[in-house]
N, C-alpha and C. Protein backbone atom coordinates (compact mmCIF):
# COMPACT_ATOMS: atom_id res chain seq x y z
N MET A 1 176.11 162.58 73.66
CA MET A 1 176.71 163.26 74.76
C MET A 1 177.30 164.36 74.49
N LYS A 2 177.82 164.58 73.35
CA LYS A 2 178.54 165.90 73.00
C LYS A 2 177.43 166.99 73.51
N GLU A 3 176.26 167.07 73.12
CA GLU A 3 175.23 168.14 73.56
C GLU A 3 175.10 168.03 74.76
N THR A 4 175.30 167.07 75.54
CA THR A 4 175.01 166.73 77.24
C THR A 4 176.11 167.63 77.48
N ALA A 5 177.35 167.49 77.04
CA ALA A 5 178.54 168.38 77.45
C ALA A 5 178.55 169.96 77.30
N ILE A 6 177.68 170.19 76.55
CA ILE A 6 177.65 171.64 76.23
C ILE A 6 176.47 172.09 77.15
N GLN A 7 175.49 171.43 77.11
CA GLN A 7 174.73 171.72 78.35
C GLN A 7 175.09 171.83 79.89
N LEU A 8 175.92 170.76 80.23
CA LEU A 8 176.78 170.82 81.73
C LEU A 8 177.31 172.19 81.75
N ASN A 9 178.31 172.35 80.83
CA ASN A 9 178.92 173.55 80.66
C ASN A 9 178.15 174.81 80.86
N ILE A 10 176.96 175.16 80.51
CA ILE A 10 176.25 176.06 80.82
C ILE A 10 175.59 175.78 81.95
N ARG A 11 175.33 174.98 82.47
CA ARG A 11 174.30 174.80 83.50
C ARG A 11 175.14 174.59 84.52
N LEU A 12 176.31 174.46 84.84
CA LEU A 12 177.44 174.53 85.87
C LEU A 12 178.45 175.70 86.33
N ARG A 13 178.62 176.31 85.01
CA ARG A 13 179.54 177.24 85.11
C ARG A 13 179.52 178.22 86.15
N GLU A 14 178.75 178.29 86.68
CA GLU A 14 178.48 179.54 87.83
C GLU A 14 178.31 178.87 89.17
N GLU A 15 178.60 177.58 89.24
CA GLU A 15 178.33 176.68 90.30
C GLU A 15 179.58 176.58 91.14
N LYS A 16 179.66 176.46 92.39
CA LYS A 16 181.07 176.15 93.17
C LYS A 16 181.35 174.81 92.89
N PRO A 17 182.60 174.33 93.36
CA PRO A 17 183.07 173.02 92.88
C PRO A 17 182.31 171.93 93.71
N GLU A 18 182.09 172.12 95.08
CA GLU A 18 181.38 171.06 95.53
C GLU A 18 180.02 170.91 95.40
N ASP A 19 179.36 171.95 94.61
CA ASP A 19 177.95 171.84 94.11
C ASP A 19 177.86 171.22 92.74
N ILE A 20 179.02 171.56 91.69
CA ILE A 20 179.58 170.73 90.63
C ILE A 20 179.43 169.50 90.81
N LEU A 21 180.12 168.90 91.73
CA LEU A 21 180.18 167.33 92.18
C LEU A 21 178.83 166.80 92.72
N ALA A 22 178.30 167.72 93.45
CA ALA A 22 177.22 166.92 94.27
C ALA A 22 176.40 166.81 92.81
N PHE A 23 176.11 167.68 92.33
CA PHE A 23 175.30 167.66 90.99
C PHE A 23 175.71 166.25 89.95
N LEU A 24 176.77 166.22 89.85
CA LEU A 24 177.01 165.02 88.74
C LEU A 24 176.74 163.73 89.27
N TYR A 25 177.14 163.62 90.98
CA TYR A 25 176.94 162.22 91.61
C TYR A 25 175.26 161.95 91.68
N ASN A 26 174.74 163.05 91.80
CA ASN A 26 173.22 162.76 91.84
C ASN A 26 172.65 162.60 90.64
N SER A 27 173.00 163.29 89.65
CA SER A 27 172.55 163.04 87.93
C SER A 27 172.96 161.76 87.43
N TYR A 28 174.23 161.29 87.61
CA TYR A 28 174.77 160.01 87.09
C TYR A 28 175.25 159.02 87.91
N PRO A 29 174.38 158.53 89.03
CA PRO A 29 174.73 157.66 89.90
C PRO A 29 175.43 156.49 89.28
N GLY A 30 176.53 156.36 89.78
CA GLY A 30 177.37 154.94 89.62
C GLY A 30 178.19 155.05 88.17
N LYS A 31 178.26 156.26 87.51
CA LYS A 31 178.65 156.73 86.36
C LYS A 31 179.67 157.48 86.27
N VAL A 32 180.20 158.32 87.77
CA VAL A 32 181.24 159.05 87.71
C VAL A 32 182.53 158.78 88.51
N THR A 33 183.42 158.87 88.00
CA THR A 33 184.73 158.68 88.33
C THR A 33 185.58 159.93 88.25
N PHE A 34 186.77 159.83 89.24
CA PHE A 34 187.90 160.88 89.36
C PHE A 34 189.33 160.31 88.99
N SER A 35 190.08 160.79 88.33
CA SER A 35 191.06 160.27 87.83
C SER A 35 192.10 161.50 88.67
N SER A 36 192.92 160.72 90.00
CA SER A 36 193.75 161.41 90.77
C SER A 36 195.31 161.31 90.49
N SER A 37 196.14 162.36 90.27
CA SER A 37 197.33 162.28 90.25
C SER A 37 197.88 162.44 91.48
N MET A 38 197.24 162.71 92.53
CA MET A 38 197.65 162.71 93.92
C MET A 38 198.32 164.22 93.95
N GLY A 39 197.91 164.93 93.23
CA GLY A 39 198.76 166.43 93.17
C GLY A 39 197.75 167.37 94.30
N ALA A 40 198.15 168.43 94.64
CA ALA A 40 197.31 169.52 95.12
C ALA A 40 195.93 169.64 94.89
N GLU A 41 195.76 169.89 93.65
CA GLU A 41 194.46 169.90 93.12
C GLU A 41 193.45 168.79 93.36
N ASP A 42 194.01 167.69 93.22
CA ASP A 42 193.32 166.39 93.28
C ASP A 42 193.12 166.23 94.67
N GLN A 43 193.81 166.38 95.54
CA GLN A 43 193.70 166.15 97.02
C GLN A 43 192.37 167.07 97.26
N VAL A 44 192.33 168.05 96.90
CA VAL A 44 191.06 169.32 97.17
C VAL A 44 189.68 168.41 96.86
N ILE A 45 190.11 168.02 95.48
CA ILE A 45 188.66 167.36 94.98
C ILE A 45 188.10 166.07 95.76
N THR A 46 189.29 165.33 96.34
CA THR A 46 189.08 164.09 97.12
C THR A 46 188.33 164.53 98.35
N HIS A 47 188.75 165.46 98.85
CA HIS A 47 188.28 165.95 100.03
C HIS A 47 186.68 166.27 99.86
N MET A 48 186.45 167.01 99.19
CA MET A 48 185.26 167.39 98.55
C MET A 48 184.27 166.31 98.32
N LEU A 49 184.76 165.12 97.36
CA LEU A 49 184.32 164.16 97.07
C LEU A 49 183.79 163.04 98.41
N ALA A 50 184.83 163.01 99.46
CA ALA A 50 184.63 162.16 100.66
C ALA A 50 183.59 162.97 101.45
N GLY A 51 183.14 164.16 101.07
CA GLY A 51 182.06 164.88 101.91
C GLY A 51 180.78 164.39 101.19
N ILE A 52 180.62 163.89 99.78
CA ILE A 52 179.38 163.69 99.30
C ILE A 52 179.10 162.43 99.02
N ASP A 53 179.96 161.39 98.88
CA ASP A 53 179.99 159.80 98.84
C ASP A 53 180.88 159.20 99.66
N LYS A 54 180.29 158.16 100.69
CA LYS A 54 181.11 157.47 101.37
C LYS A 54 182.04 156.79 100.63
N ASN A 55 181.74 156.11 99.33
CA ASN A 55 182.91 155.29 98.60
C ASN A 55 182.97 156.03 97.17
N PRO A 56 183.37 157.08 97.26
CA PRO A 56 183.59 157.64 95.68
C PRO A 56 184.45 156.96 94.88
N SER A 57 184.04 156.89 93.65
CA SER A 57 184.90 156.33 92.63
C SER A 57 186.22 157.24 92.19
N ILE A 58 187.53 156.76 92.47
CA ILE A 58 188.81 157.56 92.75
C ILE A 58 189.92 156.48 92.29
N PHE A 59 190.59 156.86 91.05
CA PHE A 59 191.43 155.99 90.53
C PHE A 59 192.82 156.90 90.53
N THR A 60 194.13 156.34 90.46
CA THR A 60 195.41 156.95 90.02
C THR A 60 196.05 155.98 89.31
N LEU A 61 196.77 156.46 88.47
CA LEU A 61 197.59 155.53 87.63
C LEU A 61 199.11 155.43 87.93
N ASP A 62 199.47 154.08 88.46
CA ASP A 62 200.38 153.65 88.86
C ASP A 62 201.70 153.35 87.73
N THR A 63 202.54 154.14 87.19
CA THR A 63 203.09 154.06 86.03
C THR A 63 204.54 153.08 86.36
N GLY A 64 204.83 153.19 87.89
CA GLY A 64 205.89 152.15 88.15
C GLY A 64 207.08 153.01 88.57
N ARG A 65 206.82 154.27 88.02
CA ARG A 65 207.90 155.19 88.26
C ARG A 65 207.82 156.68 89.10
N LEU A 66 206.80 156.36 90.09
CA LEU A 66 206.23 157.55 90.87
C LEU A 66 207.14 157.80 92.00
N PHE A 67 207.17 159.12 92.42
CA PHE A 67 207.94 159.31 93.87
C PHE A 67 207.53 158.46 94.99
N TYR A 68 208.16 158.13 95.95
CA TYR A 68 207.97 157.40 96.84
C TYR A 68 206.82 158.19 97.79
N GLU A 69 206.86 159.47 97.68
CA GLU A 69 205.97 160.68 98.30
C GLU A 69 204.63 160.29 98.09
N THR A 70 204.44 160.07 96.67
CA THR A 70 203.25 159.79 96.15
C THR A 70 202.38 158.79 96.69
N TYR A 71 203.41 157.36 96.64
CA TYR A 71 203.03 156.10 97.18
C TYR A 71 202.22 156.47 98.66
N ASP A 72 203.11 157.33 99.58
CA ASP A 72 202.72 157.52 100.79
C ASP A 72 201.57 158.15 100.96
N LEU A 73 201.44 159.10 100.10
CA LEU A 73 200.26 159.74 100.06
C LEU A 73 198.89 159.13 99.71
N ILE A 74 198.95 157.98 98.89
CA ILE A 74 197.87 157.42 98.45
C ILE A 74 197.59 156.64 99.72
N GLU A 75 198.38 155.81 100.66
CA GLU A 75 198.16 155.58 101.90
C GLU A 75 197.42 156.65 102.83
N LYS A 76 198.04 157.76 103.11
CA LYS A 76 197.51 158.41 103.91
C LYS A 76 196.11 158.92 103.56
N THR A 77 195.75 159.19 102.41
CA THR A 77 194.64 159.52 101.69
C THR A 77 193.39 158.71 101.95
N ASN A 78 193.98 157.41 102.04
CA ASN A 78 192.90 156.19 102.09
C ASN A 78 192.58 156.32 103.67
N LYS A 79 193.41 156.32 104.54
CA LYS A 79 193.22 156.41 105.90
C LYS A 79 192.37 157.49 106.27
N ARG A 80 193.03 158.61 105.98
CA ARG A 80 192.39 160.02 106.35
C ARG A 80 190.52 159.74 105.75
N TYR A 81 190.15 159.46 104.86
CA TYR A 81 188.99 159.55 104.46
C TYR A 81 188.03 158.34 104.48
N GLY A 82 188.71 157.22 104.97
CA GLY A 82 188.10 155.92 104.58
C GLY A 82 187.80 155.29 103.41
N ILE A 83 188.20 155.87 102.50
CA ILE A 83 188.08 155.34 100.87
C ILE A 83 189.26 154.36 100.52
N ARG A 84 188.94 153.94 99.27
CA ARG A 84 189.86 153.01 98.90
C ARG A 84 190.43 153.66 97.38
N VAL A 85 191.53 154.06 96.95
CA VAL A 85 191.76 154.73 95.79
C VAL A 85 192.32 153.80 95.13
N ARG A 86 191.59 153.25 93.75
CA ARG A 86 191.84 152.18 93.05
C ARG A 86 193.21 152.54 92.20
N ILE A 87 194.01 151.63 92.06
CA ILE A 87 195.15 151.65 91.56
C ILE A 87 195.23 150.99 90.01
N MET A 88 195.69 151.86 89.26
CA MET A 88 195.77 151.17 87.59
C MET A 88 197.16 150.87 87.26
N PHE A 89 197.32 150.05 86.92
CA PHE A 89 198.64 149.52 86.38
C PHE A 89 198.96 149.43 84.91
N PRO A 90 199.68 149.29 84.31
CA PRO A 90 199.87 149.32 82.82
C PRO A 90 200.33 147.94 82.57
N ASP A 91 200.17 147.41 81.14
CA ASP A 91 200.09 146.16 80.81
C ASP A 91 201.68 145.91 80.52
N ARG A 92 201.88 145.11 81.76
CA ARG A 92 203.47 144.40 81.71
C ARG A 92 204.29 144.04 80.75
N GLU A 93 203.32 143.30 79.80
CA GLU A 93 204.22 142.74 78.69
C GLU A 93 204.81 144.12 77.64
N LYS A 94 203.82 145.20 77.56
CA LYS A 94 203.85 146.24 76.92
C LYS A 94 205.14 146.84 77.27
N VAL A 95 205.17 147.12 78.73
CA VAL A 95 206.14 148.13 79.35
C VAL A 95 207.62 146.97 79.16
N GLU A 96 207.58 145.93 79.33
CA GLU A 96 208.90 145.39 78.90
C GLU A 96 209.27 145.19 77.58
N GLN A 97 208.53 145.32 76.88
CA GLN A 97 208.73 145.55 75.28
C GLN A 97 209.36 146.64 75.18
N MET A 98 208.89 147.66 75.63
CA MET A 98 209.22 149.03 75.17
C MET A 98 210.45 149.37 75.71
N VAL A 99 210.63 149.08 77.09
CA VAL A 99 211.89 149.32 77.73
C VAL A 99 213.03 148.52 77.10
N ASN A 100 212.95 147.26 76.91
CA ASN A 100 214.10 146.21 76.40
C ASN A 100 214.35 146.41 74.64
N THR A 101 213.29 147.19 73.98
CA THR A 101 213.77 147.63 72.68
C THR A 101 214.28 149.30 72.72
N LYS A 102 213.94 149.92 73.64
CA LYS A 102 214.22 151.32 73.52
C LYS A 102 215.05 151.88 74.76
N GLY A 103 215.22 151.24 75.63
CA GLY A 103 216.07 151.52 76.80
C GLY A 103 215.47 152.02 78.04
N VAL A 104 215.63 151.95 79.02
CA VAL A 104 214.81 152.29 80.56
C VAL A 104 214.44 153.82 80.48
N ASN A 105 215.25 154.64 80.00
CA ASN A 105 214.91 156.04 80.03
C ASN A 105 215.00 156.61 78.52
N LEU A 106 214.11 155.74 77.99
CA LEU A 106 213.76 156.26 76.39
C LEU A 106 213.44 157.59 76.34
N PHE A 107 212.26 157.99 77.12
CA PHE A 107 211.72 159.48 77.04
C PHE A 107 212.46 160.56 76.95
N TYR A 108 213.75 160.63 77.23
CA TYR A 108 214.67 161.66 77.14
C TYR A 108 215.01 161.76 75.79
N HIS A 109 215.19 160.86 75.01
CA HIS A 109 215.76 160.94 73.61
C HIS A 109 215.09 161.31 72.77
N SER A 110 213.56 161.23 72.57
CA SER A 110 212.64 162.23 71.60
C SER A 110 211.43 162.24 72.33
N VAL A 111 210.53 163.34 71.82
CA VAL A 111 209.43 163.26 71.84
C VAL A 111 208.49 162.30 71.70
N GLU A 112 208.82 161.53 70.64
CA GLU A 112 208.18 160.54 70.49
C GLU A 112 208.35 159.22 71.30
N ASN A 113 209.53 158.96 71.72
CA ASN A 113 209.54 158.00 72.90
C ASN A 113 208.93 158.31 74.03
N ARG A 114 209.02 159.50 74.45
CA ARG A 114 208.37 160.05 75.67
C ARG A 114 206.79 160.03 75.55
N LYS A 115 205.97 160.16 74.20
CA LYS A 115 204.71 159.81 74.21
C LYS A 115 204.49 158.64 74.01
N LEU A 116 205.35 157.80 73.49
CA LEU A 116 205.22 156.19 73.78
C LEU A 116 205.08 155.63 75.26
N CYS A 117 205.90 156.05 75.72
CA CYS A 117 206.04 155.71 77.14
C CYS A 117 204.84 156.03 78.03
N CYS A 118 204.29 157.63 78.07
CA CYS A 118 203.08 158.02 78.47
C CYS A 118 201.94 157.36 78.03
N HIS A 119 201.88 156.72 76.83
CA HIS A 119 200.74 155.92 76.02
C HIS A 119 200.82 154.74 76.92
N ILE A 120 202.06 154.08 77.02
CA ILE A 120 201.74 152.64 77.60
C ILE A 120 201.40 152.87 79.03
N ARG A 121 202.02 153.61 79.86
CA ARG A 121 202.12 153.66 81.16
C ARG A 121 200.85 154.39 81.74
N LYS A 122 200.21 155.46 81.13
CA LYS A 122 199.05 156.11 81.48
C LYS A 122 197.77 156.08 80.65
N ILE A 123 197.87 156.32 79.23
CA ILE A 123 196.69 156.18 78.59
C ILE A 123 196.02 155.06 78.46
N GLU A 124 196.75 153.97 77.99
CA GLU A 124 195.85 152.87 78.09
C GLU A 124 195.33 152.30 79.56
N PRO A 125 196.15 152.46 80.74
CA PRO A 125 195.38 152.20 81.98
C PRO A 125 194.28 153.17 82.10
N LEU A 126 194.33 154.56 81.91
CA LEU A 126 193.12 155.25 81.77
C LEU A 126 191.95 155.06 81.14
N ARG A 127 192.04 154.47 80.09
CA ARG A 127 191.04 154.05 79.25
C ARG A 127 190.40 152.79 79.94
N ARG A 128 191.01 152.12 80.66
CA ARG A 128 190.61 150.89 81.06
C ARG A 128 189.65 151.37 82.51
N ALA A 129 190.25 152.31 83.13
CA ALA A 129 189.39 153.00 84.13
C ALA A 129 188.40 153.71 83.75
N LEU A 130 188.23 154.36 82.84
CA LEU A 130 187.03 155.20 82.40
C LEU A 130 185.82 154.14 81.86
N LYS A 131 186.41 153.34 81.44
CA LYS A 131 185.35 152.26 80.70
C LYS A 131 184.10 152.40 81.51
N GLY A 132 182.92 152.36 81.09
CA GLY A 132 181.59 152.09 81.79
C GLY A 132 181.01 153.31 82.51
N ASN A 133 181.81 154.17 82.51
CA ASN A 133 181.77 155.67 83.25
C ASN A 133 180.87 156.87 82.01
N LYS A 134 180.09 157.55 82.48
CA LYS A 134 179.74 158.62 81.60
C LYS A 134 180.35 160.08 82.10
N ILE A 135 180.81 160.20 83.28
CA ILE A 135 181.54 161.31 83.64
C ILE A 135 182.89 161.26 84.27
N TRP A 136 184.05 161.96 83.57
CA TRP A 136 185.21 161.82 84.13
C TRP A 136 185.55 163.02 84.98
N ILE A 137 185.92 163.01 86.10
CA ILE A 137 186.23 164.50 86.91
C ILE A 137 187.71 164.60 86.58
N THR A 138 188.34 165.70 86.35
CA THR A 138 189.79 165.98 86.67
C THR A 138 189.90 167.25 87.65
N GLY A 139 191.38 167.35 88.01
CA GLY A 139 191.55 168.50 88.74
C GLY A 139 192.51 169.74 87.78
N LEU A 140 192.18 169.56 86.55
CA LEU A 140 192.75 170.62 85.60
C LEU A 140 192.45 171.66 85.99
N ARG A 141 193.29 173.12 85.83
CA ARG A 141 193.06 174.41 86.14
C ARG A 141 193.40 175.03 84.71
N ARG A 142 192.80 176.22 84.48
CA ARG A 142 193.33 177.12 83.19
C ARG A 142 194.52 177.65 83.48
N GLU A 143 195.14 178.01 84.74
CA GLU A 143 196.44 178.61 84.71
C GLU A 143 197.70 177.86 84.58
N GLN A 144 197.24 176.47 84.73
CA GLN A 144 198.28 175.56 85.02
C GLN A 144 199.57 175.57 83.84
N SER A 145 199.06 175.59 82.45
CA SER A 145 199.93 175.29 81.41
C SER A 145 199.35 176.14 79.99
N PRO A 146 199.94 176.41 79.29
CA PRO A 146 199.52 177.06 77.81
C PRO A 146 198.66 175.87 77.34
N THR A 147 198.82 174.85 77.52
CA THR A 147 198.14 173.81 76.70
C THR A 147 196.37 173.43 77.32
N ARG A 148 196.53 174.37 78.49
CA ARG A 148 195.21 174.26 78.94
C ARG A 148 194.32 175.39 78.95
N LYS A 149 194.69 176.45 78.45
CA LYS A 149 193.99 178.09 78.95
C LYS A 149 192.88 177.71 77.62
N ASP A 150 192.62 176.78 76.90
CA ASP A 150 191.29 176.76 75.95
C ASP A 150 190.32 175.83 76.52
N ILE A 151 190.51 174.88 77.50
CA ILE A 151 189.66 174.08 77.94
C ILE A 151 188.23 174.57 78.55
N SER A 152 187.28 173.87 78.74
CA SER A 152 185.94 174.22 79.22
C SER A 152 185.60 173.45 80.46
N LEU A 153 184.89 174.13 81.48
CA LEU A 153 184.50 173.41 82.76
C LEU A 153 184.02 171.95 82.14
N ALA A 154 182.93 171.80 81.41
CA ALA A 154 182.69 170.60 81.20
C ALA A 154 182.85 170.48 79.67
N GLN A 155 183.57 169.37 79.11
CA GLN A 155 183.71 169.04 77.50
C GLN A 155 183.62 167.75 77.19
N TRP A 156 183.31 167.37 75.95
CA TRP A 156 183.38 166.22 75.36
C TRP A 156 184.72 165.92 74.94
N ASP A 157 185.22 164.45 75.79
CA ASP A 157 186.50 164.05 75.49
C ASP A 157 186.35 162.85 74.40
N ASP A 158 186.53 163.47 73.12
CA ASP A 158 186.40 162.55 71.96
C ASP A 158 187.57 161.29 72.00
N ALA A 159 188.52 161.40 72.46
CA ALA A 159 189.35 160.23 72.56
C ALA A 159 189.03 159.29 73.47
N ASN A 160 188.09 159.55 74.39
CA ASN A 160 187.80 158.42 75.53
C ASN A 160 186.57 158.29 75.50
N GLY A 161 185.44 159.15 74.64
CA GLY A 161 184.25 158.98 74.48
C GLY A 161 183.43 159.23 75.95
N ILE A 162 183.84 160.09 76.61
CA ILE A 162 183.02 160.49 77.64
C ILE A 162 183.31 161.88 78.11
N ILE A 163 182.45 162.55 78.90
CA ILE A 163 182.19 163.80 79.36
C ILE A 163 183.24 164.24 80.39
N LYS A 164 184.32 165.13 80.18
CA LYS A 164 185.09 165.77 81.24
C LYS A 164 184.80 166.61 81.54
N VAL A 165 184.84 167.03 82.94
CA VAL A 165 184.43 167.74 83.89
C VAL A 165 185.31 168.08 84.92
N ASN A 166 185.66 169.54 84.78
CA ASN A 166 187.09 170.19 85.64
C ASN A 166 186.59 171.06 86.29
N PRO A 167 186.17 170.93 87.76
CA PRO A 167 185.16 171.60 88.79
C PRO A 167 186.42 172.84 89.09
N LEU A 168 187.76 172.80 89.40
CA LEU A 168 188.26 173.76 89.55
C LEU A 168 189.10 174.41 88.67
N LEU A 169 188.53 174.29 87.46
CA LEU A 169 188.97 175.42 86.32
C LEU A 169 189.40 176.24 86.80
N GLU A 170 188.43 177.47 87.08
CA GLU A 170 188.94 178.83 87.25
C GLU A 170 189.67 178.95 88.59
N TRP A 171 190.15 178.18 89.35
CA TRP A 171 190.53 178.44 90.43
C TRP A 171 191.91 178.81 90.33
N THR A 172 192.39 179.65 91.24
CA THR A 172 193.88 179.96 91.19
C THR A 172 194.76 178.95 92.26
N GLU A 173 196.10 179.03 91.93
CA GLU A 173 196.59 178.28 92.96
C GLU A 173 196.85 178.65 94.20
N ASP A 174 196.43 180.07 94.66
CA ASP A 174 196.36 180.42 95.83
C ASP A 174 195.01 180.01 96.42
N GLN A 175 193.93 179.77 95.71
CA GLN A 175 192.91 179.29 96.12
C GLN A 175 192.63 177.60 96.76
N VAL A 176 193.65 176.97 95.84
CA VAL A 176 193.94 175.55 95.86
C VAL A 176 194.58 175.47 97.48
N TRP A 177 195.76 176.33 97.73
CA TRP A 177 196.36 176.02 98.77
C TRP A 177 195.73 176.80 100.29
N ASP A 178 194.71 177.85 99.90
CA ASP A 178 193.90 178.23 100.88
C ASP A 178 192.79 176.90 101.40
N TYR A 179 192.52 176.16 100.56
CA TYR A 179 191.11 175.14 100.47
C TYR A 179 192.23 174.02 101.50
N ILE A 180 193.63 173.76 100.94
CA ILE A 180 194.05 172.48 101.97
C ILE A 180 194.59 173.19 103.05
N ASN A 181 194.92 174.19 103.40
CA ASN A 181 195.35 174.56 104.69
C ASN A 181 193.89 174.99 105.74
N THR A 182 192.84 175.34 104.94
CA THR A 182 191.56 175.46 105.91
C THR A 182 191.07 174.18 106.57
N HIS A 183 191.22 173.14 105.29
CA HIS A 183 190.31 171.93 105.71
C HIS A 183 191.52 170.83 106.19
N ASN A 184 192.80 171.10 106.12
CA ASN A 184 193.85 169.88 106.74
C ASN A 184 193.82 169.04 105.65
N VAL A 185 193.93 169.25 104.16
CA VAL A 185 193.68 168.27 103.67
C VAL A 185 195.45 167.56 103.43
N PRO A 186 195.46 166.12 103.49
CA PRO A 186 196.65 165.83 103.34
C PRO A 186 197.41 166.25 101.78
N TYR A 187 198.71 166.41 101.77
CA TYR A 187 199.09 166.57 100.32
C TYR A 187 200.70 166.19 100.36
N ASN A 188 201.01 166.05 99.19
CA ASN A 188 202.42 165.59 98.85
C ASN A 188 203.70 166.46 99.48
N PRO A 189 204.53 166.01 100.24
CA PRO A 189 205.31 166.99 100.95
C PRO A 189 206.34 167.71 99.82
N LEU A 190 206.31 166.99 98.83
CA LEU A 190 207.20 167.57 97.41
C LEU A 190 206.65 168.97 97.07
N HIS A 191 205.65 169.27 97.41
CA HIS A 191 205.17 170.35 96.90
C HIS A 191 205.86 171.47 97.81
N ASP A 192 206.21 171.22 98.80
CA ASP A 192 206.85 172.22 99.86
C ASP A 192 208.54 172.50 99.36
N LYS A 193 208.38 171.46 98.44
CA LYS A 193 210.23 171.29 98.03
C LYS A 193 210.45 171.97 96.56
N GLY A 194 209.57 172.86 96.04
CA GLY A 194 209.51 173.27 94.75
C GLY A 194 209.00 172.65 93.63
N TYR A 195 208.11 171.71 93.89
CA TYR A 195 207.58 170.77 92.81
C TYR A 195 205.93 171.05 93.15
N PRO A 196 205.71 172.08 92.40
CA PRO A 196 204.31 172.19 92.19
C PRO A 196 203.35 171.28 91.18
N SER A 197 204.07 170.58 90.11
CA SER A 197 203.44 169.50 89.66
C SER A 197 203.83 168.28 89.64
N LEU A 198 203.34 167.25 90.13
CA LEU A 198 203.94 165.74 90.14
C LEU A 198 203.56 164.83 89.24
N GLY A 199 204.61 164.13 88.69
CA GLY A 199 204.21 163.03 87.83
C GLY A 199 205.37 161.89 88.21
N CYS A 200 205.92 161.27 87.01
CA CYS A 200 206.88 160.37 87.32
C CYS A 200 208.21 160.83 87.86
N LYS A 201 209.02 160.23 88.59
CA LYS A 201 210.12 160.69 88.99
C LYS A 201 211.25 161.14 88.08
N PRO A 202 211.33 160.36 86.99
CA PRO A 202 212.46 160.50 86.21
C PRO A 202 212.09 161.89 85.43
N CYS A 203 210.62 162.18 84.79
CA CYS A 203 210.05 163.29 84.08
C CYS A 203 209.67 164.58 84.87
N THR A 204 209.91 164.61 86.49
CA THR A 204 209.72 165.99 87.08
C THR A 204 211.11 166.25 87.94
N ARG A 205 210.93 167.78 87.79
CA ARG A 205 211.93 168.38 88.71
C ARG A 205 211.28 169.56 89.72
N ALA A 206 212.14 169.93 90.40
CA ALA A 206 211.72 171.09 91.22
C ALA A 206 211.54 172.35 90.27
N VAL A 207 210.78 173.20 90.40
CA VAL A 207 210.98 174.37 89.66
C VAL A 207 211.80 175.64 90.21
N MET A 208 212.07 176.65 89.23
CA MET A 208 212.63 178.07 90.08
C MET A 208 211.97 179.02 90.22
N PRO A 209 212.56 180.01 91.00
CA PRO A 209 211.47 181.11 91.32
C PRO A 209 211.27 181.88 89.78
N GLY A 210 209.95 182.18 89.53
CA GLY A 210 209.54 182.84 88.32
C GLY A 210 209.15 182.02 87.21
N GLU A 211 209.60 180.47 87.25
CA GLU A 211 209.18 179.41 86.29
C GLU A 211 207.54 179.35 86.44
N ASN A 212 206.76 178.79 85.18
CA ASN A 212 205.63 178.28 85.22
C ASN A 212 205.76 176.87 86.13
N ILE A 213 204.47 176.58 86.90
CA ILE A 213 204.49 175.78 87.66
C ILE A 213 204.16 174.40 86.94
N ARG A 214 204.30 174.30 85.67
CA ARG A 214 204.47 173.15 84.81
C ARG A 214 205.83 173.09 84.06
N ASP A 215 206.82 174.17 84.37
CA ASP A 215 208.10 173.92 83.81
C ASP A 215 208.87 172.69 84.33
N GLY A 216 208.65 172.23 85.48
CA GLY A 216 209.20 171.24 85.91
C GLY A 216 208.85 169.75 85.50
N ARG A 217 207.88 169.68 84.53
CA ARG A 217 207.28 168.38 83.81
C ARG A 217 208.05 168.25 82.72
N TRP A 218 208.77 167.22 82.00
CA TRP A 218 209.46 167.16 80.96
C TRP A 218 210.24 168.29 80.44
N TRP A 219 210.98 169.13 81.53
CA TRP A 219 211.41 170.14 80.87
C TRP A 219 212.30 170.32 79.98
N TRP A 220 212.84 169.24 79.39
CA TRP A 220 213.65 169.36 78.17
C TRP A 220 212.98 169.41 76.85
N GLU A 221 211.58 169.67 76.78
CA GLU A 221 210.66 169.74 75.67
C GLU A 221 210.42 171.18 75.68
N ARG A 222 209.79 171.67 74.48
CA ARG A 222 209.25 172.68 74.28
C ARG A 222 207.82 172.91 75.03
N PRO A 223 207.06 173.82 75.55
CA PRO A 223 205.93 174.27 76.20
C PRO A 223 204.91 173.58 75.56
N GLU A 224 204.75 173.95 74.36
CA GLU A 224 203.51 172.95 73.53
C GLU A 224 203.29 171.70 73.64
N THR A 225 204.32 170.66 73.79
CA THR A 225 204.40 169.28 73.55
C THR A 225 204.46 168.61 75.24
N LYS A 226 204.13 169.50 76.13
CA LYS A 226 204.06 169.26 77.48
C LYS A 226 202.84 168.93 77.98
N GLU A 227 202.32 167.68 77.48
CA GLU A 227 201.24 167.03 77.64
C GLU A 227 201.47 165.31 77.59
N CYS A 228 200.67 164.66 78.36
CA CYS A 228 201.17 163.24 78.25
C CYS A 228 200.45 162.62 77.43
N GLY A 229 199.14 163.09 76.98
CA GLY A 229 198.11 162.38 76.27
C GLY A 229 196.88 162.55 76.82
N LEU A 230 196.64 162.48 78.49
CA LEU A 230 195.85 162.02 79.03
C LEU A 230 194.61 163.49 78.67
N HIS A 231 195.06 164.31 78.53
CA HIS A 231 194.23 165.55 78.34
C HIS A 231 194.47 166.29 77.11
N GLN A 232 193.73 166.16 76.28
CA GLN A 232 193.85 166.84 74.87
C GLN A 232 193.52 168.08 74.88
N SER A 233 194.11 169.04 74.19
CA SER A 233 193.52 170.42 74.13
C SER A 233 192.46 170.33 72.86
N PRO A 234 191.54 171.09 73.36
CA PRO A 234 190.41 171.32 72.43
C PRO A 234 191.02 171.76 70.95
N LYS A 235 190.33 171.12 69.84
CA LYS A 235 190.82 171.32 68.74
C LYS A 235 190.36 172.85 68.11
N LYS A 236 191.13 173.68 67.51
CA LYS A 236 190.64 175.08 67.18
C LYS A 236 189.97 174.71 65.93
N LYS A 237 188.90 175.88 65.73
CA LYS A 237 187.95 175.50 64.46
C LYS A 237 188.57 176.46 63.56
């Protein structure tokens, strides 16, 4: 499958996002799934998928600490497209043990604690959601973060044993919002309040003018640590 990822990267790199998604759905029927954080990019992809498949496989990770606006958007998205976004929850016992041992807001105390919280609330549910699939679609874009500058359109995700495809990889933020406005795509109203990137409420703040779009995520950490582990940067050779 690593070789297949290389082939897909070559085959699809000149294609439009809609054509990439259509190709994947036709080539891997029943084996393609999309992980949505309900962010702007993800809503663009959801709109595209809804035009390709009447019941696309879309899931989101409910960490238990999301913004109210995110939950509301899930409902609006389901209603708008006549779909059902699958909700993945973390293991209750592991969350309870972590919180009762390290505290409710453990993630502020150290990078290790924050990564533990992300692992239990995000990574483990993600692995369950990806199980049985061959293609994992994401809304990653190259310009979002320094940790994402080296990713490819299609790449082998060794941690999850799956091909990850990023159809909006080369899109700019302006392209994302032009698409949303043109197609009247529902989006999180927090984007209009200075939140370009949304995750868990305690770990997300609005950004100031001139800041990077990911500066509002885990703002107390250094830029090079600002990933939750869902998306590993390619290893440098």
